[in-house]
Amino acid sequence: MTRQQFVHQNTPELLTTAQAAQLLNVHPNTVRNWADAALLPSYRIGPRRDRRFRRDDVEALLTDDKGIPKKL
């Protein structure tokens, strides 16, 4: 396995605000508000400080502790 393959396999998938909103079926502003309220962890990247969201964190909002889907 090359270093590039190793890094790709072990790097969490990051979603844009629009992608997270689509997955959660909410408006992108709602995702931003949830991130500002620390309900959804986000990471700021680049000189524009764009938000990115780990897919695992976004999917965790969709289920409770027992894996049962939540109603948002």
Protein backbone atom coordinates (compact mmCIF):
# COMPACT_ATOMS: atom_id res chain seq x y z
CA MET A 1 0.00 0.00 0.00
CA THR A 2 1.38 3.39 -0.94
CA ARG A 3 1.41 6.34 1.44
CA GLN A 4 -1.24 8.09 -0.66
CA GLN A 5 -3.58 5.08 -0.45
CA PHE A 6 -2.99 4.84 3.32
CA VAL A 7 -3.76 8.53 3.86
CA HIS A 8 -6.89 8.35 1.67
CA GLN A 9 -8.24 5.30 3.53
CA ASN A 10 -7.59 6.80 6.96
CA THR A 11 -8.88 10.30 6.29
CA PRO A 12 -12.49 10.99 7.24
CA GLU A 13 -14.72 12.17 4.42
CA LEU A 14 -15.34 15.91 4.71
CA LEU A 15 -18.55 17.46 3.44
CA THR A 16 -19.29 21.02 2.42
CA THR A 17 -22.09 22.94 4.07
CA ALA A 18 -24.33 22.27 1.07
CA GLN A 19 -23.55 18.54 1.09
CA ALA A 20 -24.24 18.28 4.84
CA ALA A 21 -27.51 20.19 4.38
CA GLN A 22 -28.59 17.86 1.58
CA LEU A 23 -27.80 14.79 3.66
CA LEU A 24 -29.74 16.20 6.63
CA ASN A 25 -32.56 17.51 4.41
CA VAL A 26 -32.30 21.03 5.85
CA HIS A 27 -31.29 24.45 4.50
CA PRO A 28 -27.55 25.26 4.49
CA ASN A 29 -28.20 28.14 6.91
CA THR A 30 -29.58 25.61 9.39
CA VAL A 31 -26.34 23.63 9.17
CA ARG A 32 -24.37 26.84 9.78
CA ASN A 33 -26.56 27.69 12.78
CA TRP A 34 -26.09 24.19 14.22
CA ALA A 35 -22.32 24.53 13.76
CA ASP A 36 -22.31 27.95 15.46
CA ALA A 37 -24.33 26.48 18.35
CA ALA A 38 -21.87 23.55 18.64
CA LEU A 39 -24.60 21.03 17.81
CA LEU A 40 -22.61 19.89 14.78
CA PRO A 41 -18.80 19.91 14.88
CA SER A 42 -17.21 21.73 11.98
CA TYR A 43 -13.72 22.48 10.75
CA ARG A 44 -12.62 25.71 9.10
CA ILE A 45 -10.23 25.32 6.19
CA GLY A 46 -8.42 27.52 3.72
CA PRO A 47 -7.95 31.28 3.64
CA ARG A 48 -11.72 31.81 3.28
CA ARG A 49 -12.29 29.70 6.41
CA ASP A 50 -14.86 27.51 4.64
CA ARG A 51 -16.64 25.02 6.87
CA ARG A 52 -16.26 21.29 6.45
CA PHE A 53 -18.14 18.59 8.30
CA ARG A 54 -17.09 15.00 8.94
CA ARG A 55 -19.61 12.60 7.40
CA ASP A 56 -19.62 10.59 10.65
CA ASP A 57 -20.65 13.69 12.64
CA VAL A 58 -23.43 14.53 10.19
CA GLU A 59 -24.74 10.96 10.20
CA ALA A 60 -24.63 10.94 14.01
CA LEU A 61 -27.25 13.70 13.98
CA LEU A 62 -29.55 11.37 12.08
CA THR A 63 -29.46 8.59 14.67
CA ASP A 64 -29.64 8.35 18.42
CA ASP A 65 -27.40 6.27 20.70
CA LYS A 66 -29.11 3.05 19.68
CA GLY A 67 -28.93 3.63 15.93
CA ILE A 68 -32.61 4.60 15.69
CA PRO A 69 -33.29 7.47 13.24
CA LYS A 70 -34.14 10.79 14.89
CA LYS A 71 -36.75 13.25 13.73
CA LEU A 72 -35.08 16.62 13.23
